[in-house]
PDB file of N, CA and C in Angstrom:
ATOM      1  N   MET A   1      11.463 -19.217 -16.575  1.00  0.00           N
ATOM      2  CA  MET A   1      10.355 -19.707 -17.365  1.00  0.00           C
ATOM      3  C   MET A   1      10.208 -18.849 -18.812  1.00  0.00           C
ATOM      4  N   VAL A   2       9.740 -19.567 -19.680  1.00  0.00           N
ATOM      5  CA  VAL A   2       9.920 -19.174 -21.101  1.00  0.00           C
ATOM      6  C   VAL A   2       8.354 -18.832 -21.431  1.00  0.00           C
ATOM      7  N   MET A   3       8.365 -17.613 -21.753  1.00  0.00           N
ATOM      8  CA  MET A   3       6.943 -17.056 -22.020  1.00  0.00           C
ATOM      9  C   MET A   3       6.372 -17.530 -23.686  1.00  0.00           C
ATOM     10  N   THR A   4       5.502 -17.870 -24.017  1.00  0.00           N
ATOM     11  CA  THR A   4       5.146 -18.029 -25.452  1.00  0.00           C
ATOM     12  C   THR A   4       4.721 -16.683 -25.931  1.00  0.00           C
ATOM     13  N   GLN A   5       4.767 -16.614 -27.448  1.00  0.00           N
ATOM     14  CA  GLN A   5       4.357 -15.598 -28.078  1.00  0.00           C
ATOM     15  C   GLN A   5       2.969 -14.733 -27.554  1.00  0.00           C
ATOM     16  N   LEU A   6       2.046 -15.740 -27.574  1.00  0.00           N
ATOM     17  CA  LEU A   6       0.560 -15.390 -27.152  1.00  0.00           C
ATOM     18  C   LEU A   6       0.510 -14.829 -25.629  1.00  0.00           C
ATOM     19  N   GLU A   7       1.429 -15.221 -24.741  1.00  0.00           N
ATOM     20  CA  GLU A   7       1.408 -14.575 -23.366  1.00  0.00           C
ATOM     21  C   GLU A   7       2.247 -13.468 -23.523  1.00  0.00           C
ATOM     22  N   ARG A   8       3.158 -13.199 -24.340  1.00  0.00           N
ATOM     23  CA  ARG A   8       3.806 -11.918 -24.574  1.00  0.00           C
ATOM     24  C   ARG A   8       2.998 -10.600 -25.079  1.00  0.00           C
ATOM     25  N   SER A   9       1.969 -11.192 -25.718  1.00  0.00           N
ATOM     26  CA  SER A   9       1.130 -10.054 -26.492  1.00  0.00           C
ATOM     27  C   SER A   9      -0.017  -9.736 -25.326  1.00  0.00           C
ATOM     28  N   LYS A  10      -0.200 -10.439 -24.432  1.00  0.00           N
ATOM     29  CA  LYS A  10      -1.402 -10.160 -23.425  1.00  0.00           C
ATOM     30  C   LYS A  10      -1.043  -8.815 -22.588  1.00  0.00           C
ATOM     31  N   PRO A  11      -1.974  -7.764 -22.643  1.00  0.00           N
ATOM     32  CA  PRO A  11      -1.635  -6.477 -22.081  1.00  0.00           C
ATOM     33  C   PRO A  11      -1.499  -6.569 -20.527  1.00  0.00           C
ATOM     34  N   VAL A  12      -1.075  -5.660 -19.980  1.00  0.00           N
ATOM     35  CA  VAL A  12      -1.285  -5.475 -18.520  1.00  0.00           C
ATOM     36  C   VAL A  12      -2.395  -4.671 -18.518  1.00  0.00           C
ATOM     37  N   VAL A  13      -3.464  -5.041 -17.603  1.00  0.00           N
ATOM     38  CA  VAL A  13      -4.693  -4.373 -17.374  1.00  0.00           C
ATOM     39  C   VAL A  13      -4.879  -3.954 -16.179  1.00  0.00           C
ATOM     40  N   VAL A  14      -5.413  -2.656 -16.148  1.00  0.00           N
ATOM     41  CA  VAL A  14      -5.666  -1.862 -14.853  1.00  0.00           C
ATOM     42  C   VAL A  14      -7.002  -1.340 -14.902  1.00  0.00           C
ATOM     43  N   GLY A  15      -7.838  -1.489 -13.700  1.00  0.00           N
ATOM     44  CA  GLY A  15      -9.112  -1.124 -13.638  1.00  0.00           C
ATOM     45  C   GLY A  15      -9.065   0.479 -13.310  1.00  0.00           C
ATOM     46  N   ILE A  16      -9.606   1.285 -13.971  1.00  0.00           N
ATOM     47  CA  ILE A  16      -9.902   2.678 -13.666  1.00  0.00           C
ATOM     48  C   ILE A  16     -11.111   3.046 -13.239  1.00  0.00           C
ATOM     49  N   ASP A  17     -11.326   3.688 -11.972  1.00  0.00           N
ATOM     50  CA  ASP A  17     -12.642   4.336 -11.661  1.00  0.00           C
ATOM     51  C   ASP A  17     -12.739   5.707 -11.486  1.00  0.00           C
ATOM     52  N   GLY A  18     -11.582   6.353 -11.612  1.00  0.00           N
ATOM     53  CA  GLY A  18     -11.686   7.897 -11.533  1.00  0.00           C
ATOM     54  C   GLY A  18     -10.992   8.245 -10.313  1.00  0.00           C
ATOM     55  N   SER A  19     -10.565   7.283  -9.354  1.00  0.00           N
ATOM     56  CA  SER A  19     -10.088   7.628  -7.918  1.00  0.00           C
ATOM     57  C   SER A  19      -8.339   7.847  -8.415  1.00  0.00           C
ATOM     58  N   GLN A  20      -7.743   8.337  -7.292  1.00  0.00           N
ATOM     59  CA  GLN A  20      -6.256   8.425  -7.394  1.00  0.00           C
ATOM     60  C   GLN A  20      -5.663   7.288  -7.156  1.00  0.00           C
ATOM     61  N   ALA A  21      -6.294   6.265  -6.322  1.00  0.00           N
ATOM     62  CA  ALA A  21      -5.667   5.058  -6.344  1.00  0.00           C
ATOM     63  C   ALA A  21      -5.645   4.299  -7.714  1.00  0.00           C
ATOM     64  N   ALA A  22      -6.641   4.323  -8.680  1.00  0.00           N
ATOM     65  CA  ALA A  22      -6.452   3.760  -9.903  1.00  0.00           C
ATOM     66  C   ALA A  22      -5.474   4.554 -10.659  1.00  0.00           C
ATOM     67  N   ILE A  23      -5.422   5.957 -10.514  1.00  0.00           N
ATOM     68  CA  ILE A  23      -4.395   6.648 -11.399  1.00  0.00           C
ATOM     69  C   ILE A  23      -2.907   6.031 -10.882  1.00  0.00           C
ATOM     70  N   ASP A  24      -2.738   5.843  -9.676  1.00  0.00           N
ATOM     71  CA  ASP A  24      -1.401   5.218  -9.083  1.00  0.00           C
ATOM     72  C   ASP A  24      -1.320   3.918  -9.669  1.00  0.00           C
ATOM     73  N   ALA A  25      -2.181   3.087  -9.477  1.00  0.00           N
ATOM     74  CA  ALA A  25      -2.067   1.722 -10.128  1.00  0.00           C
ATOM     75  C   ALA A  25      -1.625   1.792 -11.566  1.00  0.00           C
ATOM     76  N   ALA A  26      -2.172   2.694 -12.230  1.00  0.00           N
ATOM     77  CA  ALA A  26      -1.882   2.671 -13.723  1.00  0.00           C
ATOM     78  C   ALA A  26      -0.365   3.129 -14.103  1.00  0.00           C
ATOM     79  N   THR A  27      -0.096   4.168 -13.222  1.00  0.00           N
ATOM     80  CA  THR A  27       1.377   4.733 -13.509  1.00  0.00           C
ATOM     81  C   THR A  27       2.366   3.486 -12.962  1.00  0.00           C
ATOM     82  N   TRP A  28       1.959   2.871 -12.045  1.00  0.00           N
ATOM     83  CA  TRP A  28       2.743   1.648 -11.261  1.00  0.00           C
ATOM     84  C   TRP A  28       2.930   0.596 -12.480  1.00  0.00           C
ATOM     85  N   ALA A  29       1.710   0.440 -13.282  1.00  0.00           N
ATOM     86  CA  ALA A  29       1.626  -0.782 -14.276  1.00  0.00           C
ATOM     87  C   ALA A  29       2.501  -0.404 -15.526  1.00  0.00           C
ATOM     88  N   VAL A  30       2.877   0.846 -15.792  1.00  0.00           N
ATOM     89  CA  VAL A  30       3.574   1.413 -17.037  1.00  0.00           C
ATOM     90  C   VAL A  30       4.881   0.473 -16.827  1.00  0.00           C
ATOM     91  N   ALA A  31       5.634   0.537 -15.604  1.00  0.00           N
ATOM     92  CA  ALA A  31       6.924  -0.081 -15.821  1.00  0.00           C
ATOM     93  C   ALA A  31       6.788  -1.822 -16.327  1.00  0.00           C
ATOM     94  N   GLU A  32       5.792  -2.298 -15.628  1.00  0.00           N
ATOM     95  CA  GLU A  32       5.350  -3.622 -15.929  1.00  0.00           C
ATOM     96  C   GLU A  32       5.488  -3.879 -17.539  1.00  0.00           C
ATOM     97  N   ALA A  33       4.344  -2.974 -17.951  1.00  0.00           N
ATOM     98  CA  ALA A  33       3.910  -3.265 -19.470  1.00  0.00           C
ATOM     99  C   ALA A  33       5.169  -2.958 -20.253  1.00  0.00           C
ATOM    100  N   VAL A  34       6.271  -1.990 -20.001  1.00  0.00           N
ATOM    101  CA  VAL A  34       7.346  -1.579 -20.669  1.00  0.00           C
ATOM    102  C   VAL A  34       8.235  -2.762 -20.618  1.00  0.00           C
ATOM    103  N   SER A  35       8.317  -3.336 -19.367  1.00  0.00           N
ATOM    104  CA  SER A  35       9.506  -4.490 -19.474  1.00  0.00           C
ATOM    105  C   SER A  35       9.095  -5.581 -19.948  1.00  0.00           C
ATOM    106  N   LEU A  36       7.622  -5.834 -20.257  1.00  0.00           N
ATOM    107  CA  LEU A  36       7.179  -7.116 -20.865  1.00  0.00           C
ATOM    108  C   LEU A  36       6.976  -6.821 -22.238  1.00  0.00           C
ATOM    109  N   GLY A  37       7.044  -5.594 -22.858  1.00  0.00           N
ATOM    110  CA  GLY A  37       6.953  -5.290 -24.354  1.00  0.00           C
ATOM    111  C   GLY A  37       5.468  -5.555 -24.527  1.00  0.00           C
ATOM    112  N   VAL A  38       4.594  -5.217 -23.625  1.00  0.00           N
ATOM    113  CA  VAL A  38       3.037  -5.294 -24.107  1.00  0.00           C
ATOM    114  C   VAL A  38       2.361  -4.086 -23.960  1.00  0.00           C
ATOM    115  N   PRO A  39       0.965  -3.902 -24.486  1.00  0.00           N
ATOM    116  CA  PRO A  39       0.338  -2.617 -24.228  1.00  0.00           C
ATOM    117  C   PRO A  39      -0.253  -2.569 -22.610  1.00  0.00           C
ATOM    118  N   LEU A  40      -0.571  -1.471 -22.209  1.00  0.00           N
ATOM    119  CA  LEU A  40      -1.136  -1.126 -20.970  1.00  0.00           C
ATOM    120  C   LEU A  40      -2.764  -0.882 -21.417  1.00  0.00           C
ATOM    121  N   ARG A  41      -3.555  -1.662 -20.953  1.00  0.00           N
ATOM    122  CA  ARG A  41      -4.943  -1.531 -21.126  1.00  0.00           C
ATOM    123  C   ARG A  41      -5.546  -1.179 -19.814  1.00  0.00           C
ATOM    124  N   LEU A  42      -6.384   0.329 -19.966  1.00  0.00           N
ATOM    125  CA  LEU A  42      -7.065   0.796 -18.993  1.00  0.00           C
ATOM    126  C   LEU A  42      -8.541   0.524 -19.267  1.00  0.00           C
ATOM    127  N   VAL A  43      -9.297  -0.045 -18.119  1.00  0.00           N
ATOM    128  CA  VAL A  43     -10.629  -0.664 -18.325  1.00  0.00           C
ATOM    129  C   VAL A  43     -11.432   0.183 -17.217  1.00  0.00           C
ATOM    130  N   HIS A  44     -12.450   0.536 -17.617  1.00  0.00           N
ATOM    131  CA  HIS A  44     -13.679   1.143 -16.599  1.00  0.00           C
ATOM    132  C   HIS A  44     -14.723   0.403 -16.944  1.00  0.00           C
ATOM    133  N   VAL A  45     -15.166  -0.121 -15.902  1.00  0.00           N
ATOM    134  CA  VAL A  45     -16.290  -1.137 -15.750  1.00  0.00           C
ATOM    135  C   VAL A  45     -17.490  -0.573 -14.975  1.00  0.00           C
ATOM    136  N   SER A  46     -18.858  -0.171 -15.868  1.00  0.00           N
ATOM    137  CA  SER A  46     -19.845   0.126 -15.275  1.00  0.00           C
ATOM    138  C   SER A  46     -20.803  -0.718 -14.925  1.00  0.00           C
ATOM    139  N   ALA A  47     -21.655  -0.623 -13.747  1.00  0.00           N
ATOM    140  CA  ALA A  47     -22.497  -1.618 -13.358  1.00  0.00           C
ATOM    141  C   ALA A  47     -23.856  -1.466 -14.281  1.00  0.00           C
ATOM    142  N   ALA A  48     -24.390  -2.699 -14.819  1.00  0.00           N
ATOM    143  CA  ALA A  48     -25.720  -2.448 -15.436  1.00  0.00           C
ATOM    144  C   ALA A  48     -26.839  -2.412 -14.502  1.00  0.00           C
ATOM    145  N   LYS A  49     -27.584  -1.414 -14.513  1.00  0.00           N
ATOM    146  CA  LYS A  49     -28.928  -1.277 -13.798  1.00  0.00           C
ATOM    147  C   LYS A  49     -29.792  -2.154 -14.074  1.00  0.00           C
ATOM    148  N   GLN A  50     -29.912  -2.766 -15.314  1.00  0.00           N
ATOM    149  CA  GLN A  50     -30.663  -3.844 -15.692  1.00  0.00           C
ATOM    150  C   GLN A  50     -30.098  -4.608 -16.663  1.00  0.00           C
ATOM    151  N   ALA A  51     -29.871  -6.079 -16.414  1.00  0.00           N
ATOM    152  CA  ALA A  51     -29.355  -6.931 -17.178  1.00  0.00           C
ATOM    153  C   ALA A  51     -29.649  -7.172 -18.549  1.00  0.00           C
ATOM    154  N   ARG A  52     -31.050  -6.640 -18.966  1.00  0.00           N
ATOM    155  CA  ARG A  52     -31.278  -6.838 -20.184  1.00  0.00           C
ATOM    156  C   ARG A  52     -31.363  -5.449 -21.115  1.00  0.00           C
ATOM    157  N   ARG A  53     -30.798  -4.210 -20.418  1.00  0.00           N
ATOM    158  CA  ARG A  53     -30.984  -3.033 -21.018  1.00  0.00           C
ATOM    159  C   ARG A  53     -29.826  -2.947 -22.165  1.00  0.00           C
ATOM    160  N   PRO A  54     -30.106  -2.680 -23.243  1.00  0.00           N
ATOM    161  CA  PRO A  54     -28.997  -2.466 -24.262  1.00  0.00           C
ATOM    162  C   PRO A  54     -28.167  -1.516 -24.044  1.00  0.00           C
ATOM    163  N   PRO A  55     -26.924  -1.543 -24.511  1.00  0.00           N
ATOM    164  CA  PRO A  55     -25.791  -0.475 -24.277  1.00  0.00           C
ATOM    165  C   PRO A  55     -26.290   0.923 -24.708  1.00  0.00           C
ATOM    166  N   ALA A  56     -26.839   0.984 -25.940  1.00  0.00           N
ATOM    167  CA  ALA A  56     -27.376   2.147 -26.388  1.00  0.00           C
ATOM    168  C   ALA A  56     -28.134   2.972 -25.668  1.00  0.00           C
ATOM    169  N   GLU A  57     -28.778   2.410 -24.558  1.00  0.00           N
ATOM    170  CA  GLU A  57     -29.574   2.947 -23.463  1.00  0.00           C
ATOM    171  C   GLU A  57     -28.639   3.582 -22.365  1.00  0.00           C
ATOM    172  N   ASP A  58     -27.500   3.540 -22.582  1.00  0.00           N
ATOM    173  CA  ASP A  58     -26.384   4.165 -21.439  1.00  0.00           C
ATOM    174  C   ASP A  58     -26.826   5.533 -21.018  1.00  0.00           C
ATOM    175  N   ARG A  59     -26.844   6.002 -19.708  1.00  0.00           N
ATOM    176  CA  ARG A  59     -26.849   7.136 -19.568  1.00  0.00           C
ATOM    177  C   ARG A  59     -25.851   8.059 -19.854  1.00  0.00           C
ATOM    178  N   PRO A  60     -25.922   9.236 -20.627  1.00  0.00           N
ATOM    179  CA  PRO A  60     -24.822   9.935 -21.204  1.00  0.00           C
ATOM    180  C   PRO A  60     -23.864  10.162 -19.889  1.00  0.00           C
ATOM    181  N   TRP A  61     -24.204  10.558 -18.720  1.00  0.00           N
ATOM    182  CA  TRP A  61     -23.378  11.051 -17.829  1.00  0.00           C
ATOM    183  C   TRP A  61     -22.524   9.741 -17.311  1.00  0.00           C
ATOM    184  N   ASP A  62     -22.934   8.450 -17.388  1.00  0.00           N
ATOM    185  CA  ASP A  62     -22.267   7.490 -17.090  1.00  0.00           C
ATOM    186  C   ASP A  62     -21.128   7.121 -18.040  1.00  0.00           C
ATOM    187  N   VAL A  63     -21.402   7.463 -19.131  1.00  0.00           N
ATOM    188  CA  VAL A  63     -20.394   7.227 -20.338  1.00  0.00           C
ATOM    189  C   VAL A  63     -19.290   8.405 -20.243  1.00  0.00           C
ATOM    190  N   GLU A  64     -19.828   9.623 -20.184  1.00  0.00           N
ATOM    191  CA  GLU A  64     -19.062  10.586 -19.909  1.00  0.00           C
ATOM    192  C   GLU A  64     -18.218  10.521 -18.766  1.00  0.00           C
ATOM    193  N   ARG A  65     -18.516  10.097 -17.540  1.00  0.00           N
ATOM    194  CA  ARG A  65     -17.676   9.854 -16.512  1.00  0.00           C
ATOM    195  C   ARG A  65     -16.516   8.719 -16.751  1.00  0.00           C
ATOM    196  N   ALA A  66     -16.927   7.811 -17.351  1.00  0.00           N
ATOM    197  CA  ALA A  66     -15.990   6.553 -17.910  1.00  0.00           C
ATOM    198  C   ALA A  66     -14.982   7.435 -18.618  1.00  0.00           C
ATOM    199  N   GLU A  67     -15.398   7.861 -19.866  1.00  0.00           N
ATOM    200  CA  GLU A  67     -14.408   8.652 -20.662  1.00  0.00           C
ATOM    201  C   GLU A  67     -13.457   9.705 -19.940  1.00  0.00           C
ATOM    202  N   SER A  68     -14.180  10.215 -19.091  1.00  0.00           N
ATOM    203  CA  SER A  68     -13.363  11.359 -18.141  1.00  0.00           C
ATOM    204  C   SER A  68     -12.293  10.599 -17.288  1.00  0.00           C
ATOM    205  N   ALA A  69     -12.551   9.437 -16.697  1.00  0.00           N
ATOM    206  CA  ALA A  69     -11.688   8.641 -15.931  1.00  0.00           C
ATOM    207  C   ALA A  69     -10.539   8.171 -16.563  1.00  0.00           C
ATOM    208  N   LEU A  70     -10.945   7.688 -17.940  1.00  0.00           N
ATOM    209  CA  LEU A  70      -9.835   6.974 -18.700  1.00  0.00           C
ATOM    210  C   LEU A  70      -8.943   7.928 -19.305  1.00  0.00           C
ATOM    211  N   TYR A  71      -9.505   9.138 -19.698  1.00  0.00           N
ATOM    212  CA  TYR A  71      -8.756  10.175 -20.181  1.00  0.00           C
ATOM    213  C   TYR A  71      -7.666  10.844 -19.195  1.00  0.00           C
ATOM    214  N   ARG A  72      -8.004  11.029 -18.013  1.00  0.00           N
ATOM    215  CA  ARG A  72      -7.137  11.453 -17.026  1.00  0.00           C
ATOM    216  C   ARG A  72      -5.968  10.559 -16.685  1.00  0.00           C
ATOM    217  N   ALA A  73      -6.557   9.314 -16.843  1.00  0.00           N
ATOM    218  CA  ALA A  73      -5.333   8.111 -16.486  1.00  0.00           C
ATOM    219  C   ALA A  73      -4.553   8.109 -17.731  1.00  0.00           C
ATOM    220  N   GLU A  74      -4.989   8.155 -18.833  1.00  0.00           N
ATOM    221  CA  GLU A  74      -4.245   7.920 -20.013  1.00  0.00           C
ATOM    222  C   GLU A  74      -3.207   9.241 -20.101  1.00  0.00           C
ATOM    223  N   MET A  75      -3.663  10.460 -19.956  1.00  0.00           N
ATOM    224  CA  MET A  75      -2.713  11.559 -19.971  1.00  0.00           C
ATOM    225  C   MET A  75      -1.735  11.671 -18.906  1.00  0.00           C
ATOM    226  N   THR A  76      -2.191  11.169 -17.578  1.00  0.00           N
ATOM    227  CA  THR A  76      -1.016  10.949 -16.664  1.00  0.00           C
ATOM    228  C   THR A  76       0.059  10.083 -17.057  1.00  0.00           C
ATOM    229  N   ILE A  77      -0.370   8.977 -17.756  1.00  0.00           N
ATOM    230  CA  ILE A  77       0.456   7.884 -18.310  1.00  0.00           C
ATOM    231  C   ILE A  77       1.402   8.657 -19.525  1.00  0.00           C
ATOM    232  N   HIS A  78       0.746   9.248 -20.333  1.00  0.00           N
ATOM    233  CA  HIS A  78       1.513   9.998 -21.544  1.00  0.00           C
ATOM    234  C   HIS A  78       2.403  11.030 -20.684  1.00  0.00           C
ATOM    235  N   ASP A  79       1.918  11.684 -19.924  1.00  0.00           N
ATOM    236  CA  ASP A  79       3.065  12.744 -19.304  1.00  0.00           C
ATOM    237  C   ASP A  79       4.307  12.067 -18.602  1.00  0.00           C
ATOM    238  N   MET A  80       4.256  10.856 -18.325  1.00  0.00           N
ATOM    239  CA  MET A  80       5.463  10.140 -17.856  1.00  0.00           C
ATOM    240  C   MET A  80       6.574   9.999 -18.850  1.00  0.00           C
ATOM    241  N   GLY A  81       6.179  10.027 -20.162  1.00  0.00           N
ATOM    242  CA  GLY A  81       7.294   9.943 -21.300  1.00  0.00           C
ATOM    243  C   GLY A  81       7.895   8.843 -21.355  1.00  0.00           C
ATOM    244  N   ARG A  82       7.013   7.566 -21.059  1.00  0.00           N
ATOM    245  CA  ARG A  82       7.640   6.178 -21.187  1.00  0.00           C
ATOM    246  C   ARG A  82       7.082   5.799 -22.328  1.00  0.00           C
ATOM    247  N   PRO A  83       7.680   4.834 -23.145  1.00  0.00           N
ATOM    248  CA  PRO A  83       7.405   4.072 -24.426  1.00  0.00           C
ATOM    249  C   PRO A  83       6.498   2.900 -24.099  1.00  0.00           C
ATOM    250  N   VAL A  84       5.282   3.260 -23.896  1.00  0.00           N
ATOM    251  CA  VAL A  84       4.161   2.229 -23.617  1.00  0.00           C
ATOM    252  C   VAL A  84       3.083   2.656 -24.460  1.00  0.00           C
ATOM    253  N   GLN A  85       2.419   1.503 -25.131  1.00  0.00           N
ATOM    254  CA  GLN A  85       1.147   1.764 -25.709  1.00  0.00           C
ATOM    255  C   GLN A  85      -0.079   1.447 -25.049  1.00  0.00           C
ATOM    256  N   VAL A  86      -1.055   2.432 -24.961  1.00  0.00           N
ATOM    257  CA  VAL A  86      -2.070   2.728 -24.038  1.00  0.00           C
ATOM    258  C   VAL A  86      -3.211   2.201 -24.651  1.00  0.00           C
ATOM    259  N   GLU A  87      -4.231   1.293 -24.162  1.00  0.00           N
ATOM    260  CA  GLU A  87      -5.345   1.052 -24.825  1.00  0.00           C
ATOM    261  C   GLU A  87      -6.297   1.451 -23.963  1.00  0.00           C
ATOM    262  N   THR A  88      -7.544   1.728 -24.179  1.00  0.00           N
ATOM    263  CA  THR A  88      -8.623   2.090 -23.279  1.00  0.00           C
ATOM    264  C   THR A  88      -9.974   1.343 -23.651  1.00  0.00           C
ATOM    265  N   ALA A  89     -10.680   1.047 -22.690  1.00  0.00           N
ATOM    266  CA  ALA A  89     -12.092   0.250 -22.842  1.00  0.00           C
ATOM    267  C   ALA A  89     -13.052   0.551 -21.945  1.00  0.00           C
ATOM    268  N   ILE A  90     -14.331   0.626 -22.298  1.00  0.00           N
ATOM    269  CA  ILE A  90     -15.471   0.640 -21.232  1.00  0.00           C
ATOM    270  C   ILE A  90     -16.168  -0.432 -21.247  1.00  0.00           C
ATOM    271  N   ALA A  91     -16.374  -1.119 -20.225  1.00  0.00           N
ATOM    272  CA  ALA A  91     -17.067  -2.267 -20.373  1.00  0.00           C
ATOM    273  C   ALA A  91     -18.347  -2.281 -19.285  1.00  0.00           C
ATOM    274  N   ARG A  92     -19.341  -3.056 -19.449  1.00  0.00           N
ATOM    275  CA  ARG A  92     -20.553  -3.084 -18.776  1.00  0.00           C
ATOM    276  C   ARG A  92     -20.457  -4.451 -17.840  1.00  0.00           C
ATOM    277  N   ALA A  93     -20.602  -4.405 -16.699  1.00  0.00           N
ATOM    278  CA  ALA A  93     -20.755  -5.506 -15.739  1.00  0.00           C
ATOM    279  C   ALA A  93     -22.271  -6.108 -15.735  1.00  0.00           C
ATOM    280  N   CYS A  94     -22.399  -7.246 -15.899  1.00  0.00           N
ATOM    281  CA  CYS A  94     -23.698  -7.849 -15.735  1.00  0.00           C
ATOM    282  C   CYS A  94     -24.051  -8.542 -14.478  1.00  0.00           C
ATOM    283  N   ARG A  95     -25.169  -7.788 -13.869  1.00  0.00           N
ATOM    284  CA  ARG A  95     -25.206  -8.188 -12.503  1.00  0.00           C
ATOM    285  C   ARG A  95     -25.746  -9.725 -12.206  1.00  0.00           C
ATOM    286  N   LEU A  96     -26.365 -10.236 -13.485  1.00  0.00           N
ATOM    287  CA  LEU A  96     -26.935 -11.541 -13.363  1.00  0.00           C
ATOM    288  C   LEU A  96     -25.746 -12.585 -13.639  1.00  0.00           C
ATOM    289  N   CYS A  97     -24.771 -12.022 -14.217  1.00  0.00           N
ATOM    290  CA  CYS A  97     -23.639 -12.903 -14.209  1.00  0.00           C
ATOM    291  C   CYS A  97     -22.683 -12.936 -12.983  1.00  0.00           C
ATOM    292  N   ALA A  98     -22.644 -11.801 -12.272  1.00  0.00           N
ATOM    293  CA  ALA A  98     -21.914 -11.894 -11.069  1.00  0.00           C
ATOM    294  C   ALA A  98     -22.572 -12.718  -9.860  1.00  0.00           C
ATOM    295  N   ASP A  99     -24.109 -12.739  -9.925  1.00  0.00           N
ATOM    296  CA  ASP A  99     -24.845 -13.474  -8.953  1.00  0.00           C
ATOM    297  C   ASP A  99     -24.447 -15.025  -9.100  1.00  0.00           C
ATOM    298  N   ARG A 100     -23.880 -15.488 -10.298  1.00  0.00           N
ATOM    299  CA  ARG A 100     -23.936 -16.875 -10.561  1.00  0.00           C
ATOM    300  C   ARG A 100     -22.879 -17.532  -9.732  1.00  0.00           C
TER     301      ARG A 100
END
């Protein structure tokens, strides 16, 4: 199968929730990202308590917990010494969207 340029640029994505299983998944995904020559994107998704609440009203500890989980995963990957570009993102899940 021949991959197009767009397909090659899509990152390998791993959900990070702060658990050891998420760290293990991220370290496993490093080899995949390196072999494909694409970035590794670590994503933490927080559940929205209210669908209409703007992101600026995030509780500080929710953001801090997400940043801490992503940092731990990123440092674990960095310590592996593999040539992989790591991207991180924090997203908010919309409960109304999930119910559809």
